[in-house]
PDB file of N, CA and C in Angstrom:
ATOM      1  N   UNK A   1      -1.508-114.151 -28.184  1.00  0.00           N
ATOM      2  CA  UNK A   1      -0.262-114.842 -28.064  1.00  0.00           C
ATOM      3  C   UNK A   1      -0.475-116.324 -27.789  1.00  0.00           C
ATOM      4  N   UNK A   2       0.607-116.999 -27.645  1.00  0.00           N
ATOM      5  CA  UNK A   2       0.575-118.440 -27.403  1.00  0.00           C
ATOM      6  C   UNK A   2       0.366-118.714 -25.921  1.00  0.00           C
ATOM      7  N   UNK A   3      -0.370-119.778 -25.644  1.00  0.00           N
ATOM      8  CA  UNK A   3      -0.552-120.244 -24.279  1.00  0.00           C
ATOM      9  C   UNK A   3      -0.308-121.746 -24.277  1.00  0.00           C
ATOM     10  N   UNK A   4      -0.064-122.301 -23.108  1.00  0.00           N
ATOM     11  CA  UNK A   4       0.145-123.742 -23.018  1.00  0.00           C
ATOM     12  C   UNK A   4      -1.177-124.458 -23.253  1.00  0.00           C
ATOM     13  N   UNK A   5      -1.092-125.740 -23.542  1.00  0.00           N
ATOM     14  CA  UNK A   5      -2.296-126.533 -23.757  1.00  0.00           C
ATOM     15  C   UNK A   5      -3.159-126.529 -22.506  1.00  0.00           C
ATOM     16  N   UNK A   6      -2.552-126.660 -21.344  1.00  0.00           N
ATOM     17  CA  UNK A   6      -3.315-126.649 -20.090  1.00  0.00           C
ATOM     18  C   UNK A   6      -4.042-125.323 -19.876  1.00  0.00           C
ATOM     19  N   UNK A   7      -3.393-124.216 -20.216  1.00  0.00           N
ATOM     20  CA  UNK A   7      -4.037-122.908 -20.092  1.00  0.00           C
ATOM     21  C   UNK A   7      -5.225-122.804 -21.051  1.00  0.00           C
ATOM     22  N   UNK A   8      -5.058-123.324 -22.253  1.00  0.00           N
ATOM     23  CA  UNK A   8      -6.148-123.308 -23.232  1.00  0.00           C
ATOM     24  C   UNK A   8      -7.331-124.134 -22.723  1.00  0.00           C
ATOM     25  N   UNK A   9      -7.057-125.305 -22.160  1.00  0.00           N
ATOM     26  CA  UNK A   9      -8.138-126.153 -21.629  1.00  0.00           C
ATOM     27  C   UNK A   9      -8.871-125.467 -20.480  1.00  0.00           C
ATOM     28  N   UNK A  10      -8.139-124.750 -19.633  1.00  0.00           N
ATOM     29  CA  UNK A  10      -8.784-124.020 -18.531  1.00  0.00           C
ATOM     30  C   UNK A  10      -9.755-122.969 -19.063  1.00  0.00           C
ATOM     31  N   UNK A  11      -9.388-122.314 -20.155  1.00  0.00           N
ATOM     32  CA  UNK A  11     -10.270-121.316 -20.754  1.00  0.00           C
ATOM     33  C   UNK A  11     -11.491-121.978 -21.386  1.00  0.00           C
ATOM     34  N   UNK A  12     -11.295-123.126 -22.013  1.00  0.00           N
ATOM     35  CA  UNK A  12     -12.415-123.857 -22.603  1.00  0.00           C
ATOM     36  C   UNK A  12     -13.407-124.254 -21.514  1.00  0.00           C
ATOM     37  N   UNK A  13     -12.895-124.756 -20.389  1.00  0.00           N
ATOM     38  CA  UNK A  13     -13.753-125.179 -19.278  1.00  0.00           C
ATOM     39  C   UNK A  13     -14.587-124.003 -18.762  1.00  0.00           C
ATOM     40  N   UNK A  14     -14.010-122.816 -18.697  1.00  0.00           N
ATOM     41  CA  UNK A  14     -14.707-121.636 -18.178  1.00  0.00           C
ATOM     42  C   UNK A  14     -15.726-121.070 -19.163  1.00  0.00           C
ATOM     43  N   UNK A  15     -15.626-121.445 -20.430  1.00  0.00           N
ATOM     44  CA  UNK A  15     -16.468-120.865 -21.476  1.00  0.00           C
ATOM     45  C   UNK A  15     -17.846-121.518 -21.525  1.00  0.00           C
ATOM     46  N   UNK A  16     -18.829-120.745 -21.985  1.00  0.00           N
ATOM     47  CA  UNK A  16     -20.163-121.297 -22.209  1.00  0.00           C
ATOM     48  C   UNK A  16     -20.161-122.199 -23.439  1.00  0.00           C
ATOM     49  N   UNK A  17     -19.439-121.792 -24.483  1.00  0.00           N
ATOM     50  CA  UNK A  17     -19.351-122.538 -25.724  1.00  0.00           C
ATOM     51  C   UNK A  17     -17.944-122.407 -26.299  1.00  0.00           C
ATOM     52  N   UNK A  18     -17.598-123.367 -27.154  1.00  0.00           N
ATOM     53  CA  UNK A  18     -16.414-123.202 -27.988  1.00  0.00           C
ATOM     54  C   UNK A  18     -16.926-123.110 -29.418  1.00  0.00           C
ATOM     55  N   UNK A  19     -16.447-122.115 -30.141  1.00  0.00           N
ATOM     56  CA  UNK A  19     -16.851-121.899 -31.519  1.00  0.00           C
ATOM     57  C   UNK A  19     -15.673-122.196 -32.424  1.00  0.00           C
ATOM     58  N   UNK A  20     -15.883-123.068 -33.386  1.00  0.00           N
ATOM     59  CA  UNK A  20     -14.891-123.246 -34.440  1.00  0.00           C
ATOM     60  C   UNK A  20     -15.572-123.627 -35.729  1.00  0.00           C
ATOM     61  N   UNK A  21     -14.998-123.138 -36.805  1.00  0.00           N
ATOM     62  CA  UNK A  21     -15.525-123.394 -38.138  1.00  0.00           C
ATOM     63  C   UNK A  21     -14.388-123.961 -38.966  1.00  0.00           C
ATOM     64  N   UNK A  22     -14.678-125.058 -39.641  1.00  0.00           N
ATOM     65  CA  UNK A  22     -13.670-125.696 -40.483  1.00  0.00           C
ATOM     66  C   UNK A  22     -14.105-125.613 -41.947  1.00  0.00           C
ATOM     67  N   UNK A  23     -13.135-125.299 -42.805  1.00  0.00           N
ATOM     68  CA  UNK A  23     -13.392-125.320 -44.242  1.00  0.00           C
ATOM     69  C   UNK A  23     -13.714-126.741 -44.666  1.00  0.00           C
ATOM     70  N   UNK A  24     -14.517-126.861 -45.691  1.00  0.00           N
ATOM     71  CA  UNK A  24     -14.802-128.188 -46.237  1.00  0.00           C
ATOM     72  C   UNK A  24     -13.762-128.485 -47.311  1.00  0.00           C
ATOM     73  N   UNK A  25     -12.719-129.184 -46.875  1.00  0.00           N
ATOM     74  CA  UNK A  25     -11.685-129.623 -47.799  1.00  0.00           C
ATOM     75  C   UNK A  25     -11.279-131.039 -47.415  1.00  0.00           C
ATOM     76  N   UNK A  26     -10.465-131.665 -48.233  1.00  0.00           N
ATOM     77  CA  UNK A  26     -10.152-133.078 -48.029  1.00  0.00           C
ATOM     78  C   UNK A  26      -9.573-133.381 -46.643  1.00  0.00           C
ATOM     79  N   UNK A  27      -8.575-132.633 -46.147  1.00  0.00           N
ATOM     80  CA  UNK A  27      -8.059-132.956 -44.803  1.00  0.00           C
ATOM     81  C   UNK A  27      -9.119-132.846 -43.708  1.00  0.00           C
ATOM     82  N   UNK A  28     -10.001-131.851 -43.790  1.00  0.00           N
ATOM     83  CA  UNK A  28     -11.025-131.674 -42.762  1.00  0.00           C
ATOM     84  C   UNK A  28     -12.140-132.701 -42.867  1.00  0.00           C
ATOM     85  N   UNK A  29     -12.432-133.139 -44.079  1.00  0.00           N
ATOM     86  CA  UNK A  29     -13.465-134.151 -44.251  1.00  0.00           C
ATOM     87  C   UNK A  29     -12.943-135.517 -43.798  1.00  0.00           C
ATOM     88  N   UNK A  30     -11.663-135.753 -44.043  1.00  0.00           N
ATOM     89  CA  UNK A  30     -11.066-137.047 -43.701  1.00  0.00           C
ATOM     90  C   UNK A  30     -10.727-137.146 -42.215  1.00  0.00           C
ATOM     91  N   UNK A  31     -10.385-136.038 -41.591  1.00  0.00           N
ATOM     92  CA  UNK A  31      -9.974-136.068 -40.187  1.00  0.00           C
ATOM     93  C   UNK A  31     -11.108-135.685 -39.262  1.00  0.00           C
ATOM     94  N   UNK A  32     -10.894-135.932 -37.978  1.00  0.00           N
ATOM     95  CA  UNK A  32     -11.888-135.565 -36.969  1.00  0.00           C
ATOM     96  C   UNK A  32     -11.300-134.455 -36.112  1.00  0.00           C
ATOM     97  N   UNK A  33     -12.048-133.376 -35.850  1.00  0.00           N
ATOM     98  CA  UNK A  33     -11.506-132.233 -35.116  1.00  0.00           C
ATOM     99  C   UNK A  33     -11.256-132.526 -33.634  1.00  0.00           C
ATOM    100  N   UNK A  34     -10.003-132.511 -33.253  1.00  0.00           N
ATOM    101  CA  UNK A  34      -9.660-132.738 -31.845  1.00  0.00           C
ATOM    102  C   UNK A  34     -10.217-131.635 -30.953  1.00  0.00           C
ATOM    103  N   UNK A  35     -10.442-130.446 -31.502  1.00  0.00           N
ATOM    104  CA  UNK A  35     -11.035-129.360 -30.706  1.00  0.00           C
ATOM    105  C   UNK A  35     -12.431-129.747 -30.219  1.00  0.00           C
ATOM    106  N   UNK A  36     -13.160-130.491 -31.026  1.00  0.00           N
ATOM    107  CA  UNK A  36     -14.482-130.955 -30.617  1.00  0.00           C
ATOM    108  C   UNK A  36     -14.348-131.922 -29.440  1.00  0.00           C
ATOM    109  N   UNK A  37     -13.438-132.869 -29.561  1.00  0.00           N
ATOM    110  CA  UNK A  37     -13.215-133.863 -28.500  1.00  0.00           C
ATOM    111  C   UNK A  37     -12.798-133.161 -27.214  1.00  0.00           C
ATOM    112  N   UNK A  38     -11.851-132.244 -27.315  1.00  0.00           N
ATOM    113  CA  UNK A  38     -11.386-131.524 -26.122  1.00  0.00           C
ATOM    114  C   UNK A  38     -12.525-130.760 -25.461  1.00  0.00           C
ATOM    115  N   UNK A  39     -13.289-130.049 -26.257  1.00  0.00           N
ATOM    116  CA  UNK A  39     -14.354-129.226 -25.704  1.00  0.00           C
ATOM    117  C   UNK A  39     -15.410-130.069 -24.997  1.00  0.00           C
ATOM    118  N   UNK A  40     -15.917-131.096 -25.680  1.00  0.00           N
ATOM    119  CA  UNK A  40     -16.940-131.950 -25.069  1.00  0.00           C
ATOM    120  C   UNK A  40     -16.388-132.626 -23.817  1.00  0.00           C
ATOM    121  N   UNK A  41     -15.147-133.093 -23.881  1.00  0.00           N
ATOM    122  CA  UNK A  41     -14.522-133.759 -22.727  1.00  0.00           C
ATOM    123  C   UNK A  41     -14.318-132.804 -21.562  1.00  0.00           C
ATOM    124  N   UNK A  42     -14.169-131.513 -21.860  1.00  0.00           N
ATOM    125  CA  UNK A  42     -14.037-130.497 -20.809  1.00  0.00           C
ATOM    126  C   UNK A  42     -15.398-130.049 -20.279  1.00  0.00           C
ATOM    127  N   UNK A  43     -16.476-130.517 -20.918  1.00  0.00           N
ATOM    128  CA  UNK A  43     -17.809-130.133 -20.488  1.00  0.00           C
ATOM    129  C   UNK A  43     -18.284-128.833 -21.110  1.00  0.00           C
ATOM    130  N   UNK A  44     -17.748-128.482 -22.265  1.00  0.00           N
ATOM    131  CA  UNK A  44     -18.126-127.234 -22.917  1.00  0.00           C
ATOM    132  C   UNK A  44     -18.792-127.526 -24.261  1.00  0.00           C
ATOM    133  N   UNK A  45     -20.046-127.113 -24.424  1.00  0.00           N
ATOM    134  CA  UNK A  45     -20.739-127.321 -25.694  1.00  0.00           C
ATOM    135  C   UNK A  45     -20.027-126.609 -26.848  1.00  0.00           C
ATOM    136  N   UNK A  46     -20.271-127.094 -28.057  1.00  0.00           N
ATOM    137  CA  UNK A  46     -19.579-126.606 -29.245  1.00  0.00           C
ATOM    138  C   UNK A  46     -20.565-125.992 -30.229  1.00  0.00           C
ATOM    139  N   UNK A  47     -20.137-124.920 -30.858  1.00  0.00           N
ATOM    140  CA  UNK A  47     -20.857-124.326 -31.980  1.00  0.00           C
ATOM    141  C   UNK A  47     -19.946-124.524 -33.185  1.00  0.00           C
ATOM    142  N   UNK A  48     -20.397-125.298 -34.159  1.00  0.00           N
ATOM    143  CA  UNK A  48     -19.531-125.605 -35.289  1.00  0.00           C
ATOM    144  C   UNK A  48     -20.339-125.996 -36.519  1.00  0.00           C
ATOM    145  N   UNK A  49     -19.658-126.031 -37.633  1.00  0.00           N
ATOM    146  CA  UNK A  49     -20.263-126.546 -38.856  1.00  0.00           C
ATOM    147  C   UNK A  49     -19.893-128.017 -39.000  1.00  0.00           C
ATOM    148  N   UNK A  50     -20.569-128.699 -39.922  1.00  0.00           N
ATOM    149  CA  UNK A  50     -20.295-130.120 -40.137  1.00  0.00           C
ATOM    150  C   UNK A  50     -19.019-130.283 -40.947  1.00  0.00           C
ATOM    151  N   UNK A  51     -18.133-131.064 -40.406  1.00  0.00           N
ATOM    152  CA  UNK A  51     -16.963-131.542 -41.137  1.00  0.00           C
ATOM    153  C   UNK A  51     -16.753-132.969 -40.661  1.00  0.00           C
ATOM    154  N   UNK A  52     -16.152-133.759 -41.458  1.00  0.00           N
ATOM    155  CA  UNK A  52     -15.995-135.191 -41.174  1.00  0.00           C
ATOM    156  C   UNK A  52     -17.352-135.774 -40.772  1.00  0.00           C
ATOM    157  N   UNK A  53     -17.390-136.554 -39.703  1.00  0.00           N
ATOM    158  CA  UNK A  53     -18.654-137.159 -39.266  1.00  0.00           C
ATOM    159  C   UNK A  53     -19.131-136.552 -37.940  1.00  0.00           C
ATOM    160  N   UNK A  54     -18.916-135.269 -37.766  1.00  0.00           N
ATOM    161  CA  UNK A  54     -19.341-134.584 -36.541  1.00  0.00           C
ATOM    162  C   UNK A  54     -20.827-134.738 -36.258  1.00  0.00           C
ATOM    163  N   UNK A  55     -21.635-134.840 -37.308  1.00  0.00           N
ATOM    164  CA  UNK A  55     -23.072-134.934 -37.088  1.00  0.00           C
ATOM    165  C   UNK A  55     -23.468-136.204 -36.341  1.00  0.00           C
ATOM    166  N   UNK A  56     -22.572-137.182 -36.257  1.00  0.00           N
ATOM    167  CA  UNK A  56     -22.841-138.385 -35.472  1.00  0.00           C
ATOM    168  C   UNK A  56     -22.656-138.137 -33.972  1.00  0.00           C
ATOM    169  N   UNK A  57     -21.944-137.080 -33.622  1.00  0.00           N
ATOM    170  CA  UNK A  57     -21.595-136.818 -32.228  1.00  0.00           C
ATOM    171  C   UNK A  57     -22.235-135.548 -31.667  1.00  0.00           C
ATOM    172  N   UNK A  58     -22.462-134.556 -32.503  1.00  0.00           N
ATOM    173  CA  UNK A  58     -23.050-133.311 -32.022  1.00  0.00           C
ATOM    174  C   UNK A  58     -24.570-133.438 -31.991  1.00  0.00           C
ATOM    175  N   UNK A  59     -25.113-133.235 -30.829  1.00  0.00           N
ATOM    176  CA  UNK A  59     -26.562-133.314 -30.611  1.00  0.00           C
ATOM    177  C   UNK A  59     -27.071-131.892 -30.366  1.00  0.00           C
ATOM    178  N   UNK A  60     -27.633-131.253 -31.409  1.00  0.00           N
ATOM    179  CA  UNK A  60     -28.062-129.854 -31.273  1.00  0.00           C
ATOM    180  C   UNK A  60     -28.953-129.624 -30.056  1.00  0.00           C
ATOM    181  N   UNK A  61     -28.574-128.611 -29.291  1.00  0.00           N
ATOM    182  CA  UNK A  61     -29.319-128.270 -28.083  1.00  0.00           C
ATOM    183  C   UNK A  61     -28.908-129.067 -26.864  1.00  0.00           C
ATOM    184  N   UNK A  62     -28.142-130.140 -27.069  1.00  0.00           N
ATOM    185  CA  UNK A  62     -27.685-130.966 -25.945  1.00  0.00           C
ATOM    186  C   UNK A  62     -26.199-130.765 -25.673  1.00  0.00           C
ATOM    187  N   UNK A  63     -25.376-130.817 -26.725  1.00  0.00           N
ATOM    188  CA  UNK A  63     -23.938-130.602 -26.524  1.00  0.00           C
ATOM    189  C   UNK A  63     -23.376-129.564 -27.490  1.00  0.00           C
ATOM    190  N   UNK A  64     -24.270-128.781 -28.075  1.00  0.00           N
ATOM    191  CA  UNK A  64     -23.826-127.706 -28.946  1.00  0.00           C
ATOM    192  C   UNK A  64     -24.851-127.325 -29.986  1.00  0.00           C
ATOM    193  N   UNK A  65     -24.377-126.592 -30.986  1.00  0.00           N
ATOM    194  CA  UNK A  65     -25.212-126.136 -32.083  1.00  0.00           C
ATOM    195  C   UNK A  65     -24.459-126.311 -33.393  1.00  0.00           C
ATOM    196  N   UNK A  66     -25.182-126.733 -34.426  1.00  0.00           N
ATOM    197  CA  UNK A  66     -24.626-126.812 -35.767  1.00  0.00           C
ATOM    198  C   UNK A  66     -24.922-125.516 -36.502  1.00  0.00           C
ATOM    199  N   UNK A  67     -23.916-124.999 -37.204  1.00  0.00           N
ATOM    200  CA  UNK A  67     -24.145-123.799 -37.994  1.00  0.00           C
ATOM    201  C   UNK A  67     -23.932-124.116 -39.464  1.00  0.00           C
ATOM    202  N   UNK A  68     -24.702-123.441 -40.275  1.00  0.00           N
ATOM    203  CA  UNK A  68     -24.597-123.570 -41.720  1.00  0.00           C
ATOM    204  C   UNK A  68     -23.783-122.381 -42.207  1.00  0.00           C
ATOM    205  N   UNK A  69     -22.570-122.633 -42.691  1.00  0.00           N
ATOM    206  CA  UNK A  69     -21.707-121.523 -43.111  1.00  0.00           C
ATOM    207  C   UNK A  69     -21.928-121.121 -44.561  1.00  0.00           C
ATOM    208  N   UNK A  70     -22.811-121.825 -45.271  1.00  0.00           N
ATOM    209  CA  UNK A  70     -23.060-121.459 -46.670  1.00  0.00           C
ATOM    210  C   UNK A  70     -24.012-120.275 -46.775  1.00  0.00           C
ATOM    211  N   UNK A  71     -24.645-119.914 -45.684  1.00  0.00           N
ATOM    212  CA  UNK A  71     -25.579-118.791 -45.676  1.00  0.00           C
ATOM    213  C   UNK A  71     -25.271-117.896 -44.475  1.00  0.00           C
ATOM    214  N   UNK A  72     -24.967-116.628 -44.741  1.00  0.00           N
ATOM    215  CA  UNK A  72     -24.710-115.683 -43.645  1.00  0.00           C
ATOM    216  C   UNK A  72     -25.922-115.575 -42.724  1.00  0.00           C
ATOM    217  N   UNK A  73     -27.103-115.617 -43.313  1.00  0.00           N
ATOM    218  CA  UNK A  73     -28.341-115.508 -42.524  1.00  0.00           C
ATOM    219  C   UNK A  73     -28.475-116.683 -41.557  1.00  0.00           C
ATOM    220  N   UNK A  74     -28.229-117.901 -42.031  1.00  0.00           N
ATOM    221  CA  UNK A  74     -28.306-119.084 -41.170  1.00  0.00           C
ATOM    222  C   UNK A  74     -27.240-119.048 -40.087  1.00  0.00           C
ATOM    223  N   UNK A  75     -26.047-118.623 -40.458  1.00  0.00           N
ATOM    224  CA  UNK A  75     -24.946-118.537 -39.492  1.00  0.00           C
ATOM    225  C   UNK A  75     -25.316-117.573 -38.370  1.00  0.00           C
ATOM    226  N   UNK A  76     -25.775-116.397 -38.732  1.00  0.00           N
ATOM    227  CA  UNK A  76     -26.146-115.385 -37.735  1.00  0.00           C
ATOM    228  C   UNK A  76     -27.300-115.878 -36.869  1.00  0.00           C
ATOM    229  N   UNK A  77     -28.294-116.523 -37.484  1.00  0.00           N
ATOM    230  CA  UNK A  77     -29.450-117.035 -36.749  1.00  0.00           C
ATOM    231  C   UNK A  77     -29.014-118.020 -35.660  1.00  0.00           C
ATOM    232  N   UNK A  78     -28.101-118.923 -36.008  1.00  0.00           N
ATOM    233  CA  UNK A  78     -27.636-119.916 -35.037  1.00  0.00           C
ATOM    234  C   UNK A  78     -26.809-119.268 -33.944  1.00  0.00           C
ATOM    235  N   UNK A  79     -25.960-118.321 -34.311  1.00  0.00           N
ATOM    236  CA  UNK A  79     -25.154-117.636 -33.295  1.00  0.00           C
ATOM    237  C   UNK A  79     -26.042-116.867 -32.326  1.00  0.00           C
ATOM    238  N   UNK A  80     -27.057-116.210 -32.826  1.00  0.00           N
ATOM    239  CA  UNK A  80     -27.990-115.487 -31.958  1.00  0.00           C
ATOM    240  C   UNK A  80     -28.721-116.462 -31.035  1.00  0.00           C
ATOM    241  N   UNK A  81     -29.139-117.606 -31.576  1.00  0.00           N
ATOM    242  CA  UNK A  81     -29.810-118.620 -30.747  1.00  0.00           C
ATOM    243  C   UNK A  81     -28.900-119.066 -29.610  1.00  0.00           C
ATOM    244  N   UNK A  82     -27.631-119.328 -29.917  1.00  0.00           N
ATOM    245  CA  UNK A  82     -26.676-119.756 -28.887  1.00  0.00           C
ATOM    246  C   UNK A  82     -26.458-118.653 -27.856  1.00  0.00           C
ATOM    247  N   UNK A  83     -26.301-117.422 -28.313  1.00  0.00           N
ATOM    248  CA  UNK A  83     -26.049-116.305 -27.399  1.00  0.00           C
ATOM    249  C   UNK A  83     -27.253-115.984 -26.520  1.00  0.00           C
ATOM    250  N   UNK A  84     -28.438-116.340 -26.977  1.00  0.00           N
ATOM    251  CA  UNK A  84     -29.657-116.097 -26.195  1.00  0.00           C
ATOM    252  C   UNK A  84     -30.027-117.277 -25.300  1.00  0.00           C
ATOM    253  N   UNK A  85     -29.222-118.314 -25.328  1.00  0.00           N
ATOM    254  CA  UNK A  85     -29.499-119.481 -24.495  1.00  0.00           C
ATOM    255  C   UNK A  85     -29.400-119.094 -23.022  1.00  0.00           C
ATOM    256  N   UNK A  86     -30.400-119.445 -22.259  1.00  0.00           N
ATOM    257  CA  UNK A  86     -30.412-119.115 -20.831  1.00  0.00           C
ATOM    258  C   UNK A  86     -29.291-119.850 -20.106  1.00  0.00           C
ATOM    259  N   UNK A  87     -28.792-119.217 -19.063  1.00  0.00           N
ATOM    260  CA  UNK A  87     -27.681-119.798 -18.290  1.00  0.00           C
ATOM    261  C   UNK A  87     -28.030-121.192 -17.774  1.00  0.00           C
ATOM    262  N   UNK A  88     -29.262-121.392 -17.326  1.00  0.00           N
ATOM    263  CA  UNK A  88     -29.651-122.712 -16.808  1.00  0.00           C
ATOM    264  C   UNK A  88     -29.570-123.770 -17.909  1.00  0.00           C
ATOM    265  N   UNK A  89     -29.916-123.401 -19.130  1.00  0.00           N
ATOM    266  CA  UNK A  89     -29.824-124.340 -20.256  1.00  0.00           C
ATOM    267  C   UNK A  89     -28.369-124.626 -20.610  1.00  0.00           C
ATOM    268  N   UNK A  90     -27.520-123.610 -20.500  1.00  0.00           N
ATOM    269  CA  UNK A  90     -26.087-123.815 -20.758  1.00  0.00           C
ATOM    270  C   UNK A  90     -25.512-124.766 -19.725  1.00  0.00           C
ATOM    271  N   UNK A  91     -25.915-124.603 -18.471  1.00  0.00           N
ATOM    272  CA  UNK A  91     -25.448-125.499 -17.406  1.00  0.00           C
ATOM    273  C   UNK A  91     -25.889-126.930 -17.713  1.00  0.00           C
ATOM    274  N   UNK A  92     -27.120-127.113 -18.171  1.00  0.00           N
ATOM    275  CA  UNK A  92     -27.597-128.453 -18.547  1.00  0.00           C
ATOM    276  C   UNK A  92     -26.763-129.018 -19.690  1.00  0.00           C
ATOM    277  N   UNK A  93     -26.456-128.182 -20.676  1.00  0.00           N
ATOM    278  CA  UNK A  93     -25.641-128.636 -21.807  1.00  0.00           C
ATOM    279  C   UNK A  93     -24.238-129.024 -21.338  1.00  0.00           C
ATOM    280  N   UNK A  94     -23.659-128.218 -20.453  1.00  0.00           N
ATOM    281  CA  UNK A  94     -22.325-128.524 -19.932  1.00  0.00           C
ATOM    282  C   UNK A  94     -22.350-129.847 -19.156  1.00  0.00           C
ATOM    283  N   UNK A  95     -23.383-130.046 -18.361  1.00  0.00           N
ATOM    284  CA  UNK A  95     -23.511-131.304 -17.615  1.00  0.00           C
ATOM    285  C   UNK A  95     -23.687-132.487 -18.555  1.00  0.00           C
ATOM    286  N   UNK A  96     -24.459-132.290 -19.624  1.00  0.00           N
ATOM    287  CA  UNK A  96     -24.643-133.353 -20.619  1.00  0.00           C
ATOM    288  C   UNK A  96     -23.293-133.726 -21.246  1.00  0.00           C
ATOM    289  N   UNK A  97     -22.521-132.705 -21.597  1.00  0.00           N
ATOM    290  CA  UNK A  97     -21.193-132.965 -22.184  1.00  0.00           C
ATOM    291  C   UNK A  97     -20.322-133.767 -21.223  1.00  0.00           C
ATOM    292  N   UNK A  98     -20.280-133.334 -19.980  1.00  0.00           N
ATOM    293  CA  UNK A  98     -19.440-134.009 -18.986  1.00  0.00           C
ATOM    294  C   UNK A  98     -19.861-135.448 -18.760  1.00  0.00           C
ATOM    295  N   UNK A  99     -21.165-135.663 -18.682  1.00  0.00           N
ATOM    296  CA  UNK A  99     -21.653-137.001 -18.326  1.00  0.00           C
ATOM    297  C   UNK A  99     -21.718-137.958 -19.515  1.00  0.00           C
ATOM    298  N   UNK A 100     -21.642-137.438 -20.727  1.00  0.00           N
ATOM    299  CA  UNK A 100     -21.808-138.301 -21.900  1.00  0.00           C
ATOM    300  C   UNK A 100     -20.647-139.273 -22.090  1.00  0.00           C
ATOM    301  N   UNK A 101     -19.453-138.868 -21.753  1.00  0.00           N
ATOM    302  CA  UNK A 101     -18.266-139.723 -21.910  1.00  0.00           C
ATOM    303  C   UNK A 101     -18.170-140.337 -23.308  1.00  0.00           C
ATOM    304  N   UNK A 102     -18.626-139.619 -24.327  1.00  0.00           N
ATOM    305  CA  UNK A 102     -18.642-140.204 -25.673  1.00  0.00           C
ATOM    306  C   UNK A 102     -17.249-140.459 -26.230  1.00  0.00           C
ATOM    307  N   UNK A 103     -16.240-139.823 -25.656  1.00  0.00           N
ATOM    308  CA  UNK A 103     -14.884-140.038 -26.158  1.00  0.00           C
ATOM    309  C   UNK A 103     -14.004-140.813 -25.182  1.00  0.00           C
ATOM    310  N   UNK A 104     -14.623-141.438 -24.208  1.00  0.00           N
ATOM    311  CA  UNK A 104     -13.879-142.282 -23.278  1.00  0.00           C
ATOM    312  C   UNK A 104     -13.372-143.507 -24.037  1.00  0.00           C
ATOM    313  N   UNK A 105     -12.091-143.753 -23.938  1.00  0.00           N
ATOM    314  CA  UNK A 105     -11.487-144.848 -24.703  1.00  0.00           C
ATOM    315  C   UNK A 105     -12.149-146.197 -24.429  1.00  0.00           C
ATOM    316  N   UNK A 106     -12.706-146.367 -23.245  1.00  0.00           N
ATOM    317  CA  UNK A 106     -13.329-147.650 -22.909  1.00  0.00           C
ATOM    318  C   UNK A 106     -14.548-147.946 -23.788  1.00  0.00           C
ATOM    319  N   UNK A 107     -15.169-146.903 -24.313  1.00  0.00           N
ATOM    320  CA  UNK A 107     -16.310-147.094 -25.212  1.00  0.00           C
ATOM    321  C   UNK A 107     -15.896-147.765 -26.524  1.00  0.00           C
ATOM    322  N   UNK A 108     -14.634-147.693 -26.844  1.00  0.00           N
ATOM    323  CA  UNK A 108     -14.143-148.164 -28.142  1.00  0.00           C
ATOM    324  C   UNK A 108     -13.201-149.352 -28.017  1.00  0.00           C
ATOM    325  N   UNK A 109     -13.025-149.830 -26.808  1.00  0.00           N
ATOM    326  CA  UNK A 109     -12.074-150.918 -26.558  1.00  0.00           C
ATOM    327  C   UNK A 109     -12.411-152.173 -27.367  1.00  0.00           C
ATOM    328  N   UNK A 110     -13.660-152.621 -27.344  1.00  0.00           N
ATOM    329  CA  UNK A 110     -14.038-153.846 -28.056  1.00  0.00           C
ATOM    330  C   UNK A 110     -13.842-153.695 -29.563  1.00  0.00           C
ATOM    331  N   UNK A 111     -14.274-152.569 -30.109  1.00  0.00           N
ATOM    332  CA  UNK A 111     -14.113-152.345 -31.552  1.00  0.00           C
ATOM    333  C   UNK A 111     -12.636-152.291 -31.932  1.00  0.00           C
ATOM    334  N   UNK A 112     -11.835-151.685 -31.084  1.00  0.00           N
ATOM    335  CA  UNK A 112     -10.400-151.597 -31.361  1.00  0.00           C
ATOM    336  C   UNK A 112      -9.740-152.976 -31.274  1.00  0.00           C
ATOM    337  N   UNK A 113     -10.119-153.756 -30.277  1.00  0.00           N
ATOM    338  CA  UNK A 113      -9.578-155.116 -30.159  1.00  0.00           C
ATOM    339  C   UNK A 113      -9.975-155.966 -31.361  1.00  0.00           C
ATOM    340  N   UNK A 114     -11.189-155.813 -31.823  1.00  0.00           N
ATOM    341  CA  UNK A 114     -11.634-156.537 -33.006  1.00  0.00           C
ATOM    342  C   UNK A 114     -10.806-156.151 -34.231  1.00  0.00           C
ATOM    343  N   UNK A 115     -10.548-154.861 -34.353  1.00  0.00           N
ATOM    344  CA  UNK A 115      -9.700-154.362 -35.441  1.00  0.00           C
ATOM    345  C   UNK A 115      -8.307-154.985 -35.361  1.00  0.00           C
ATOM    346  N   UNK A 116      -7.722-154.998 -34.175  1.00  0.00           N
ATOM    347  CA  UNK A 116      -6.380-155.582 -33.991  1.00  0.00           C
ATOM    348  C   UNK A 116      -6.378-157.083 -34.281  1.00  0.00           C
ATOM    349  N   UNK A 117      -7.435-157.754 -33.870  1.00  0.00           N
ATOM    350  CA  UNK A 117      -7.532-159.201 -34.134  1.00  0.00           C
ATOM    351  C   UNK A 117      -7.547-159.489 -35.629  1.00  0.00           C
ATOM    352  N   UNK A 118      -8.164-158.622 -36.410  1.00  0.00           N
ATOM    353  CA  UNK A 118      -8.246-158.833 -37.854  1.00  0.00           C
ATOM    354  C   UNK A 118      -6.903-158.584 -38.541  1.00  0.00           C
ATOM    355  N   UNK A 119      -6.001-157.890 -37.862  1.00  0.00           N
ATOM    356  CA  UNK A 119      -4.671-157.635 -38.441  1.00  0.00           C
ATOM    357  C   UNK A 119      -3.765-158.835 -38.364  1.00  0.00           C
ATOM    358  N   UNK A 120      -4.075-159.740 -37.483  1.00  0.00           N
ATOM    359  CA  UNK A 120      -3.219-160.926 -37.300  1.00  0.00           C
ATOM    360  C   UNK A 120      -3.344-161.903 -38.417  1.00  0.00           C
TER     361      UNK A 120
END
């Protein structure tokens, strides 16, 4: 059933990983998955395939795992690797996600101001 956004975030925080797979189509290639941002910002590593420019942000073994959905064998191999990850390693990954602040707006303030300046 449906839950509120806050309830969903609480579940993400409690999870070892968030798993999502996106089809490779124009909207997914052009857009950036907010689920990735939410998960990393909540301190939860992500298991996902590449869409848009996720490979610039996902650091395998540090804040998640990349899966190859074109091969069932590769997909299963990565899922097994994630499921066999020791709890201490998951805690390290969660701490890495929390401390990275890669989506903190302050990281992008200068670039955004430069963009706005060019609009004038």
